[in-house]
Amino acid sequence: MAIIPNFFMNAVMAIGVSNDGITKKWIGSGFIVSRKGEQDSDESSYYIITNKHVVDDCENIYLRFNTQDEQSLKDYRLNLFDEEHNCLYSKHPNEDSDVIAMRFFPQKLIDDKSIWGAFDLQKHALSLDEMQNTGVTEGCFVYALGFPMNLVETIKSPICRLGCISRIQDAFMRKHETPKFLVDAQTFPGNSGGPIISRPEIVSITGTDSNSNANLIGILSHSITYRNVLVSKQTGREMMIQEENSGLTIVHPVDRIREVVEIEFARTQESIAM
């Protein structure tokens, strides 16, 4: 029995950069979300979601997808600026919200028979309010999907890491500020920008809410490191600082994703009107 829907996995992509257009370095992860049209619920627009820090200082990026043809992989170059150096994506306006959205037209993927998917922001995602109302809280299991440590080989298959929500009550209480929450999941360089998925819960304490569906609940930003300072016994001065992964990872909630998607939707609608 599958716990993570297959199209969730297909929605996740590796993000890379290249100096020569051939050799690529995979620097992060991203995923596709869909936004239903206000006038026509059957009409959707699509957006690439990742972290600000993944694309900072990049003029263009590469996205990797599997294909249905004999060639198993296809990389797509995506320009981040137009000829006049206008930015082609939207950053969340809050500096502490490490999220961007870029309008994405999937027709090229369809023509190339590339395999892709999308998280429907209405059907397959939970805001902080929705998480709180359905019992998604500390101790609930989650999955981190992405491409850590350049693990993008002959097939684009996201690495799945199991974890749990470590702290979210402060985010529930500060929904209108800049809430983040913490998950206990080992993540590494390359995981940045990947989705965090809630695990369906069959068992719950009697009288409490539960959620029986897997849902997008946030975007992974970065792990928290701790520093171990080695001090010389003779001089009392610091000799070396060791930095290690604490196992705790910062996650921005779906609320921030929905907000930046609306900003990008408005930006692209304005561009079309012009």
C-alpha atoms as a PDB file:
ATOM      1  CA  MET A   1       0.000   0.000   0.000  1.00  0.00           C
ATOM      2  CA  ALA A   2       1.501   3.338  -1.081  1.00  0.00           C
ATOM      3  CA  ILE A   3       1.666   6.057   1.565  1.00  0.00           C
ATOM      4  CA  ILE A   4       3.059   8.805  -0.679  1.00  0.00           C
ATOM      5  CA  PRO A   5       1.075   9.264  -3.932  1.00  0.00           C
ATOM      6  CA  ASN A   6       3.224   8.672  -6.996  1.00  0.00           C
ATOM      7  CA  PHE A   7       2.409  12.084  -8.459  1.00  0.00           C
ATOM      8  CA  PHE A   8       3.849  13.677  -5.302  1.00  0.00           C
ATOM      9  CA  MET A   9       7.191  12.062  -6.177  1.00  0.00           C
ATOM     10  CA  ASN A  10       6.860  13.150  -9.822  1.00  0.00           C
ATOM     11  CA  ALA A  11       6.250  16.746  -8.705  1.00  0.00           C
ATOM     12  CA  VAL A  12       9.698  16.938  -7.066  1.00  0.00           C
ATOM     13  CA  MET A  13      12.671  17.902  -9.225  1.00  0.00           C
ATOM     14  CA  ALA A  14      16.395  18.382  -8.905  1.00  0.00           C
ATOM     15  CA  ILE A  15      17.698  21.921  -9.442  1.00  0.00           C
ATOM     16  CA  GLY A  16      21.140  22.350 -10.933  1.00  0.00           C
ATOM     17  CA  VAL A  17      23.551  24.867 -12.415  1.00  0.00           C
ATOM     18  CA  SER A  18      26.092  24.548 -15.205  1.00  0.00           C
ATOM     19  CA  ASN A  19      28.996  26.603 -16.513  1.00  0.00           C
ATOM     20  CA  ASP A  20      29.133  24.899 -19.910  1.00  0.00           C
ATOM     21  CA  GLY A  21      25.569  23.612 -20.396  1.00  0.00           C
ATOM     22  CA  ILE A  22      26.784  20.013 -20.216  1.00  0.00           C
ATOM     23  CA  THR A  23      28.282  19.302 -16.806  1.00  0.00           C
ATOM     24  CA  LYS A  24      25.777  20.085 -14.095  1.00  0.00           C
ATOM     25  CA  LYS A  25      26.059  20.543 -10.367  1.00  0.00           C
ATOM     26  CA  TRP A  26      22.829  19.757  -8.505  1.00  0.00           C
ATOM     27  CA  ILE A  27      22.454  22.395  -5.812  1.00  0.00           C
ATOM     28  CA  GLY A  28      18.932  21.986  -4.489  1.00  0.00           C
ATOM     29  CA  SER A  29      15.423  20.659  -4.833  1.00  0.00           C
ATOM     30  CA  GLY A  30      12.099  22.099  -5.937  1.00  0.00           C
ATOM     31  CA  PHE A  31       8.557  21.027  -6.661  1.00  0.00           C
ATOM     32  CA  ILE A  32       5.541  21.983  -8.743  1.00  0.00           C
ATOM     33  CA  VAL A  33       2.260  23.222  -7.303  1.00  0.00           C
ATOM     34  CA  SER A  34      -0.990  24.056  -9.056  1.00  0.00           C
ATOM     35  CA  ARG A  35      -3.387  26.922  -8.422  1.00  0.00           C
ATOM     36  CA  LYS A  36      -7.030  26.596  -9.420  1.00  0.00           C
ATOM     37  CA  GLY A  37      -8.519  29.378 -11.519  1.00  0.00           C
ATOM     38  CA  GLU A  38     -10.928  31.726  -9.761  1.00  0.00           C
ATOM     39  CA  GLN A  39     -13.392  31.732 -12.653  1.00  0.00           C
ATOM     40  CA  ASP A  40     -12.919  28.144 -13.833  1.00  0.00           C
ATOM     41  CA  SER A  41     -12.022  25.509 -11.223  1.00  0.00           C
ATOM     42  CA  ASP A  42     -11.005  23.120 -14.022  1.00  0.00           C
ATOM     43  CA  GLU A  43      -8.320  25.536 -15.180  1.00  0.00           C
ATOM     44  CA  SER A  44      -5.019  25.498 -13.284  1.00  0.00           C
ATOM     45  CA  SER A  45      -1.792  27.472 -13.407  1.00  0.00           C
ATOM     46  CA  TYR A  46       1.477  25.853 -12.355  1.00  0.00           C
ATOM     47  CA  TYR A  47       4.420  27.131 -10.313  1.00  0.00           C
ATOM     48  CA  ILE A  48       7.901  25.955  -9.449  1.00  0.00           C
ATOM     49  CA  ILE A  49       8.578  26.332  -5.728  1.00  0.00           C
ATOM     50  CA  THR A  50      12.011  26.380  -4.093  1.00  0.00           C
ATOM     51  CA  ASN A  51      14.072  28.430  -1.628  1.00  0.00           C
ATOM     52  CA  LYS A  52      15.380  31.923  -2.210  1.00  0.00           C
ATOM     53  CA  HIS A  53      18.878  30.840  -1.255  1.00  0.00           C
ATOM     54  CA  VAL A  54      18.883  28.036  -3.865  1.00  0.00           C
ATOM     55  CA  VAL A  55      18.539  30.458  -6.794  1.00  0.00           C
ATOM     56  CA  ASP A  56      20.317  33.503  -5.364  1.00  0.00           C
ATOM     57  CA  ASP A  57      23.197  34.570  -7.637  1.00  0.00           C
ATOM     58  CA  CYS A  58      21.940  32.303 -10.473  1.00  0.00           C
ATOM     59  CA  GLU A  59      21.149  33.643 -13.929  1.00  0.00           C
ATOM     60  CA  ASN A  60      19.573  30.348 -14.941  1.00  0.00           C
ATOM     61  CA  ILE A  61      18.980  26.885 -13.520  1.00  0.00           C
ATOM     62  CA  TYR A  62      18.375  23.379 -14.843  1.00  0.00           C
ATOM     63  CA  LEU A  63      15.435  21.175 -13.917  1.00  0.00           C
ATOM     64  CA  ARG A  64      15.698  17.395 -14.280  1.00  0.00           C
ATOM     65  CA  PHE A  65      12.770  15.147 -15.193  1.00  0.00           C
ATOM     66  CA  ASN A  66      12.323  11.503 -16.174  1.00  0.00           C
ATOM     67  CA  THR A  67      10.841  10.724 -19.580  1.00  0.00           C
ATOM     68  CA  GLN A  68       8.652   7.933 -20.904  1.00  0.00           C
ATOM     69  CA  ASP A  69      10.925   7.390 -23.900  1.00  0.00           C
ATOM     70  CA  GLU A  70      14.104   5.322 -24.101  1.00  0.00           C
ATOM     71  CA  GLN A  71      16.082   8.337 -22.933  1.00  0.00           C
ATOM     72  CA  SER A  72      15.449   8.202 -19.191  1.00  0.00           C
ATOM     73  CA  LEU A  73      16.335  11.783 -18.261  1.00  0.00           C
ATOM     74  CA  LYS A  74      15.823  15.234 -19.711  1.00  0.00           C
ATOM     75  CA  ASP A  75      17.183  18.504 -18.361  1.00  0.00           C
ATOM     76  CA  TYR A  76      15.458  21.824 -19.002  1.00  0.00           C
ATOM     77  CA  ARG A  77      17.231  25.150 -18.800  1.00  0.00           C
ATOM     78  CA  LEU A  78      15.177  27.849 -17.108  1.00  0.00           C
ATOM     79  CA  ASN A  79      16.191  31.503 -17.345  1.00  0.00           C
ATOM     80  CA  LEU A  80      15.579  33.492 -14.169  1.00  0.00           C
ATOM     81  CA  PHE A  81      15.835  36.914 -15.845  1.00  0.00           C
ATOM     82  CA  ASP A  82      14.676  38.321 -19.162  1.00  0.00           C
ATOM     83  CA  GLU A  83      16.830  40.222 -21.664  1.00  0.00           C
ATOM     84  CA  GLU A  84      16.365  43.439 -19.708  1.00  0.00           C
ATOM     85  CA  HIS A  85      17.359  41.612 -16.518  1.00  0.00           C
ATOM     86  CA  ASN A  86      13.884  41.729 -15.032  1.00  0.00           C
ATOM     87  CA  CYS A  87      13.342  38.933 -12.536  1.00  0.00           C
ATOM     88  CA  LEU A  88      11.074  36.173 -13.871  1.00  0.00           C
ATOM     89  CA  TYR A  89       9.991  34.856 -10.487  1.00  0.00           C
ATOM     90  CA  SER A  90       8.555  36.200  -7.233  1.00  0.00           C
ATOM     91  CA  LYS A  91      10.210  36.137  -3.834  1.00  0.00           C
ATOM     92  CA  HIS A  92       8.176  36.097  -0.668  1.00  0.00           C
ATOM     93  CA  PRO A  93       8.301  39.729   0.522  1.00  0.00           C
ATOM     94  CA  ASN A  94       9.207  38.739   4.078  1.00  0.00           C
ATOM     95  CA  GLU A  95      12.990  38.424   4.275  1.00  0.00           C
ATOM     96  CA  ASP A  96      12.699  35.561   6.767  1.00  0.00           C
ATOM     97  CA  SER A  97      10.455  33.506   4.457  1.00  0.00           C
ATOM     98  CA  ASP A  98      12.850  31.499   2.288  1.00  0.00           C
ATOM     99  CA  VAL A  99      10.379  30.806  -0.547  1.00  0.00           C
ATOM    100  CA  ILE A 100      10.064  31.722  -4.228  1.00  0.00           C
ATOM    101  CA  ALA A 101       7.506  30.874  -6.917  1.00  0.00           C
ATOM    102  CA  MET A 102       7.960  30.915 -10.685  1.00  0.00           C
ATOM    103  CA  ARG A 103       5.132  30.521 -13.202  1.00  0.00           C
ATOM    104  CA  PHE A 104       5.608  27.329 -15.135  1.00  0.00           C
ATOM    105  CA  PHE A 105       4.003  26.149 -18.382  1.00  0.00           C
ATOM    106  CA  PRO A 106       4.100  22.339 -18.636  1.00  0.00           C
ATOM    107  CA  GLN A 107       3.347  22.008 -22.362  1.00  0.00           C
ATOM    108  CA  LYS A 108       7.017  21.400 -23.214  1.00  0.00           C
ATOM    109  CA  LEU A 109       7.107  18.540 -20.694  1.00  0.00           C
ATOM    110  CA  ILE A 110       3.929  17.105 -22.203  1.00  0.00           C
ATOM    111  CA  ASP A 111       5.341  17.337 -25.736  1.00  0.00           C
ATOM    112  CA  ASP A 112       8.577  15.637 -24.638  1.00  0.00           C
ATOM    113  CA  LYS A 113       6.676  12.917 -22.779  1.00  0.00           C
ATOM    114  CA  SER A 114       8.448  13.890 -19.589  1.00  0.00           C
ATOM    115  CA  ILE A 115       7.005  12.625 -16.331  1.00  0.00           C
ATOM    116  CA  TRP A 116       5.778  15.297 -13.958  1.00  0.00           C
ATOM    117  CA  GLY A 117       3.142  15.989 -11.314  1.00  0.00           C
ATOM    118  CA  ALA A 118       1.885  18.816  -9.119  1.00  0.00           C
ATOM    119  CA  PHE A 119       0.608  19.409  -5.612  1.00  0.00           C
ATOM    120  CA  ASP A 120      -2.863  20.960  -5.831  1.00  0.00           C
ATOM    121  CA  LEU A 121      -2.714  23.785  -3.268  1.00  0.00           C
ATOM    122  CA  GLN A 122      -6.407  23.301  -2.492  1.00  0.00           C
ATOM    123  CA  LYS A 123      -6.635  19.498  -2.384  1.00  0.00           C
ATOM    124  CA  HIS A 124      -3.178  18.295  -1.397  1.00  0.00           C
ATOM    125  CA  ALA A 125      -1.869  20.937   1.013  1.00  0.00           C
ATOM    126  CA  LEU A 126      -2.546  22.000   4.592  1.00  0.00           C
ATOM    127  CA  SER A 127      -2.106  25.481   6.016  1.00  0.00           C
ATOM    128  CA  LEU A 128      -1.236  25.999   9.683  1.00  0.00           C
ATOM    129  CA  ASP A 129      -4.950  26.381  10.503  1.00  0.00           C
ATOM    130  CA  GLU A 130      -5.769  23.206   8.585  1.00  0.00           C
ATOM    131  CA  MET A 131      -2.944  21.318  10.281  1.00  0.00           C
ATOM    132  CA  GLN A 132      -4.114  22.451  13.703  1.00  0.00           C
ATOM    133  CA  ASN A 133      -7.722  21.505  12.936  1.00  0.00           C
ATOM    134  CA  THR A 134      -6.807  18.002  11.739  1.00  0.00           C
ATOM    135  CA  GLY A 135      -4.377  17.089  14.498  1.00  0.00           C
ATOM    136  CA  VAL A 136      -1.088  17.483  12.609  1.00  0.00           C
ATOM    137  CA  THR A 137       1.158  18.464  15.509  1.00  0.00           C
ATOM    138  CA  GLU A 138       4.264  17.481  17.470  1.00  0.00           C
ATOM    139  CA  GLY A 139       5.098  13.794  17.124  1.00  0.00           C
ATOM    140  CA  CYS A 140       3.330  13.344  13.773  1.00  0.00           C
ATOM    141  CA  PHE A 141       5.466  11.625  11.173  1.00  0.00           C
ATOM    142  CA  VAL A 142       6.555  13.480   8.054  1.00  0.00           C
ATOM    143  CA  TYR A 143       8.585  12.777   4.916  1.00  0.00           C
ATOM    144  CA  ALA A 144      11.279  15.047   3.488  1.00  0.00           C
ATOM    145  CA  LEU A 145      11.654  14.617  -0.283  1.00  0.00           C
ATOM    146  CA  GLY A 146      14.599  15.918  -2.251  1.00  0.00           C
ATOM    147  CA  PHE A 147      18.041  15.356  -3.716  1.00  0.00           C
ATOM    148  CA  PRO A 148      20.716  15.574  -1.002  1.00  0.00           C
ATOM    149  CA  MET A 149      24.446  15.356  -1.654  1.00  0.00           C
ATOM    150  CA  ASN A 150      24.150  15.503  -5.454  1.00  0.00           C
ATOM    151  CA  LEU A 151      22.328  12.137  -5.576  1.00  0.00           C
ATOM    152  CA  VAL A 152      20.894  12.638  -9.070  1.00  0.00           C
ATOM    153  CA  GLU A 153      21.990   9.716 -11.167  1.00  0.00           C
ATOM    154  CA  THR A 154      20.542   7.741 -14.103  1.00  0.00           C
ATOM    155  CA  ILE A 155      16.967   8.320 -12.947  1.00  0.00           C
ATOM    156  CA  LYS A 156      15.355  11.260 -11.207  1.00  0.00           C
ATOM    157  CA  SER A 157      14.067   9.673  -8.019  1.00  0.00           C
ATOM    158  CA  PRO A 158      13.768  11.837  -4.878  1.00  0.00           C
ATOM    159  CA  ILE A 159      15.358  10.585  -1.683  1.00  0.00           C
ATOM    160  CA  CYS A 160      12.712  10.116   1.019  1.00  0.00           C
ATOM    161  CA  ARG A 161      13.715  10.718   4.645  1.00  0.00           C
ATOM    162  CA  LEU A 162      11.364   9.889   7.512  1.00  0.00           C
ATOM    163  CA  GLY A 163      11.075  12.322  10.410  1.00  0.00           C
ATOM    164  CA  CYS A 164       8.581  13.859  12.775  1.00  0.00           C
ATOM    165  CA  ILE A 165       7.346  17.313  13.692  1.00  0.00           C
ATOM    166  CA  SER A 166       9.486  18.472  16.599  1.00  0.00           C
ATOM    167  CA  ARG A 167       7.982  21.877  17.365  1.00  0.00           C
ATOM    168  CA  ILE A 168       5.010  23.665  15.835  1.00  0.00           C
ATOM    169  CA  GLN A 169       2.976  25.147  18.709  1.00  0.00           C
ATOM    170  CA  ASP A 170       4.808  28.463  18.431  1.00  0.00           C
ATOM    171  CA  ALA A 171       3.933  28.597  14.715  1.00  0.00           C
ATOM    172  CA  PHE A 172       0.263  27.949  15.541  1.00  0.00           C
ATOM    173  CA  MET A 173       0.312  30.847  18.009  1.00  0.00           C
ATOM    174  CA  ARG A 174       2.108  33.206  15.593  1.00  0.00           C
ATOM    175  CA  LYS A 175       0.304  32.473  12.342  1.00  0.00           C
ATOM    176  CA  HIS A 176       0.196  36.154  11.372  1.00  0.00           C
ATOM    177  CA  GLU A 177       3.894  36.805  11.978  1.00  0.00           C
ATOM    178  CA  THR A 178       6.643  34.755  10.292  1.00  0.00           C
ATOM    179  CA  PRO A 179       5.934  31.256  11.549  1.00  0.00           C
ATOM    180  CA  LYS A 180       8.273  28.361  10.920  1.00  0.00           C
ATOM    181  CA  PHE A 181       8.263  24.919  12.419  1.00  0.00           C
ATOM    182  CA  LEU A 182      10.886  22.285  13.099  1.00  0.00           C
ATOM    183  CA  VAL A 183      11.068  18.689  11.948  1.00  0.00           C
ATOM    184  CA  ASP A 184      13.447  16.046  13.197  1.00  0.00           C
ATOM    185  CA  ALA A 185      14.800  14.653   9.912  1.00  0.00           C
ATOM    186  CA  GLN A 186      18.381  14.327   8.723  1.00  0.00           C
ATOM    187  CA  THR A 187      18.725  16.679   5.763  1.00  0.00           C
ATOM    188  CA  PHE A 188      21.812  17.776   3.884  1.00  0.00           C
ATOM    189  CA  PRO A 189      22.920  20.194   1.136  1.00  0.00           C
ATOM    190  CA  GLY A 190      20.681  19.537  -1.862  1.00  0.00           C
ATOM    191  CA  ASN A 191      17.554  18.988   0.255  1.00  0.00           C
ATOM    192  CA  SER A 192      16.884  22.737   0.351  1.00  0.00           C
ATOM    193  CA  GLY A 193      13.657  23.631  -1.436  1.00  0.00           C
ATOM    194  CA  GLY A 194      12.125  20.167  -1.183  1.00  0.00           C
ATOM    195  CA  PRO A 195       8.595  19.486   0.096  1.00  0.00           C
ATOM    196  CA  ILE A 196       7.681  18.224   3.559  1.00  0.00           C
ATOM    197  CA  ILE A 197       4.814  15.720   3.431  1.00  0.00           C
ATOM    198  CA  SER A 198       2.603  14.684   6.341  1.00  0.00           C
ATOM    199  CA  ARG A 199       2.228  10.951   6.851  1.00  0.00           C
ATOM    200  CA  PRO A 200      -1.349   9.627   7.031  1.00  0.00           C
ATOM    201  CA  GLU A 201      -2.209   8.688  10.602  1.00  0.00           C
ATOM    202  CA  ILE A 202      -4.447   5.683  11.261  1.00  0.00           C
ATOM    203  CA  VAL A 203      -3.879   5.595  15.013  1.00  0.00           C
ATOM    204  CA  SER A 204      -4.678   8.552  17.265  1.00  0.00           C
ATOM    205  CA  ILE A 205      -5.601   9.177  20.890  1.00  0.00           C
ATOM    206  CA  THR A 206      -9.335   8.744  21.490  1.00  0.00           C
ATOM    207  CA  GLY A 207     -11.156  12.051  21.189  1.00  0.00           C
ATOM    208  CA  THR A 208      -8.456  13.774  19.113  1.00  0.00           C
ATOM    209  CA  ASP A 209      -8.466  14.653  15.420  1.00  0.00           C
ATOM    210  CA  SER A 210      -6.507  12.691  12.846  1.00  0.00           C
ATOM    211  CA  ASN A 211      -5.624  13.072   9.179  1.00  0.00           C
ATOM    212  CA  SER A 212      -5.854  10.041   6.912  1.00  0.00           C
ATOM    213  CA  ASN A 213      -4.293  11.666   3.816  1.00  0.00           C
ATOM    214  CA  ALA A 214      -0.743  12.549   2.843  1.00  0.00           C
ATOM    215  CA  ASN A 215      -0.470  16.312   2.312  1.00  0.00           C
ATOM    216  CA  LEU A 216       2.069  18.987   1.509  1.00  0.00           C
ATOM    217  CA  ILE A 217       2.643  20.889   4.773  1.00  0.00           C
ATOM    218  CA  GLY A 218       5.699  23.004   4.006  1.00  0.00           C
ATOM    219  CA  ILE A 219       8.979  23.632   2.239  1.00  0.00           C
ATOM    220  CA  LEU A 220      12.312  22.628   3.718  1.00  0.00           C
ATOM    221  CA  SER A 221      14.727  25.520   4.183  1.00  0.00           C
ATOM    222  CA  HIS A 222      17.858  24.283   5.947  1.00  0.00           C
ATOM    223  CA  SER A 223      19.084  22.193   8.834  1.00  0.00           C
ATOM    224  CA  ILE A 224      20.148  23.714  12.125  1.00  0.00           C
ATOM    225  CA  THR A 225      23.786  23.116  12.973  1.00  0.00           C
ATOM    226  CA  TYR A 226      25.410  23.194  16.348  1.00  0.00           C
ATOM    227  CA  ARG A 227      28.945  24.326  17.055  1.00  0.00           C
ATOM    228  CA  ASN A 228      31.393  22.537  19.300  1.00  0.00           C
ATOM    229  CA  VAL A 229      34.274  24.801  20.352  1.00  0.00           C
ATOM    230  CA  LEU A 230      37.608  23.195  21.272  1.00  0.00           C
ATOM    231  CA  VAL A 231      39.587  25.301  23.774  1.00  0.00           C
ATOM    232  CA  SER A 232      43.290  25.024  24.532  1.00  0.00           C
ATOM    233  CA  LYS A 233      44.001  24.039  28.125  1.00  0.00           C
ATOM    234  CA  GLN A 234      47.272  25.961  28.016  1.00  0.00           C
ATOM    235  CA  THR A 235      46.106  29.286  26.601  1.00  0.00           C
ATOM    236  CA  GLY A 236      42.370  29.177  27.254  1.00  0.00           C
ATOM    237  CA  ARG A 237      41.845  30.321  23.676  1.00  0.00           C
ATOM    238  CA  GLU A 238      39.624  28.720  21.055  1.00  0.00           C
ATOM    239  CA  MET A 239      41.569  26.347  18.828  1.00  0.00           C
ATOM    240  CA  MET A 240      38.930  24.850  16.570  1.00  0.00           C
ATOM    241  CA  ILE A 241      35.210  25.050  15.911  1.00  0.00           C
ATOM    242  CA  GLN A 242      33.424  21.914  14.724  1.00  0.00           C
ATOM    243  CA  GLU A 243      30.017  22.384  13.109  1.00  0.00           C
ATOM    244  CA  GLU A 244      27.658  19.432  12.896  1.00  0.00           C
ATOM    245  CA  ASN A 245      24.128  18.709  11.754  1.00  0.00           C
ATOM    246  CA  SER A 246      21.743  18.744  14.723  1.00  0.00           C
ATOM    247  CA  GLY A 247      19.093  16.705  12.885  1.00  0.00           C
ATOM    248  CA  LEU A 248      16.589  19.558  13.233  1.00  0.00           C
ATOM    249  CA  THR A 249      15.363  21.213  10.045  1.00  0.00           C
ATOM    250  CA  ILE A 250      13.547  24.531   9.547  1.00  0.00           C
ATOM    251  CA  VAL A 251      10.328  24.330   7.503  1.00  0.00           C
ATOM    252  CA  HIS A 252       8.246  27.189   6.104  1.00  0.00           C
ATOM    253  CA  PRO A 253       4.522  26.335   6.142  1.00  0.00           C
ATOM    254  CA  VAL A 254       2.162  26.039   3.178  1.00  0.00           C
ATOM    255  CA  ASP A 255       0.784  29.475   4.101  1.00  0.00           C
ATOM    256  CA  ARG A 256       3.997  31.073   2.795  1.00  0.00           C
ATOM    257  CA  ILE A 257       3.839  28.992  -0.404  1.00  0.00           C
ATOM    258  CA  ARG A 258       0.246  30.059  -1.097  1.00  0.00           C
ATOM    259  CA  GLU A 259       1.131  33.700  -0.452  1.00  0.00           C
ATOM    260  CA  VAL A 260       4.065  33.795  -2.857  1.00  0.00           C
ATOM    261  CA  VAL A 261       2.075  31.892  -5.498  1.00  0.00           C
ATOM    262  CA  GLU A 262      -0.582  34.619  -5.349  1.00  0.00           C
ATOM    263  CA  ILE A 263       2.135  37.251  -5.769  1.00  0.00           C
ATOM    264  CA  GLU A 264       3.563  35.418  -8.778  1.00  0.00           C
ATOM    265  CA  PHE A 265       0.088  34.912 -10.241  1.00  0.00           C
ATOM    266  CA  ALA A 266      -0.554  38.675 -10.029  1.00  0.00           C
ATOM    267  CA  ARG A 267       2.870  39.467 -11.530  1.00  0.00           C
ATOM    268  CA  THR A 268       2.358  37.192 -14.522  1.00  0.00           C
ATOM    269  CA  GLN A 269      -1.216  38.395 -15.078  1.00  0.00           C
ATOM    270  CA  GLU A 270       0.095  41.953 -15.179  1.00  0.00           C
ATOM    271  CA  SER A 271       2.771  40.922 -17.699  1.00  0.00           C
ATOM    272  CA  ILE A 272       0.143  39.257 -19.906  1.00  0.00           C
ATOM    273  CA  ALA A 273      -2.055  42.367 -19.741  1.00  0.00           C
ATOM    274  CA  MET A 274       0.853  44.552 -20.866  1.00  0.00           C
END
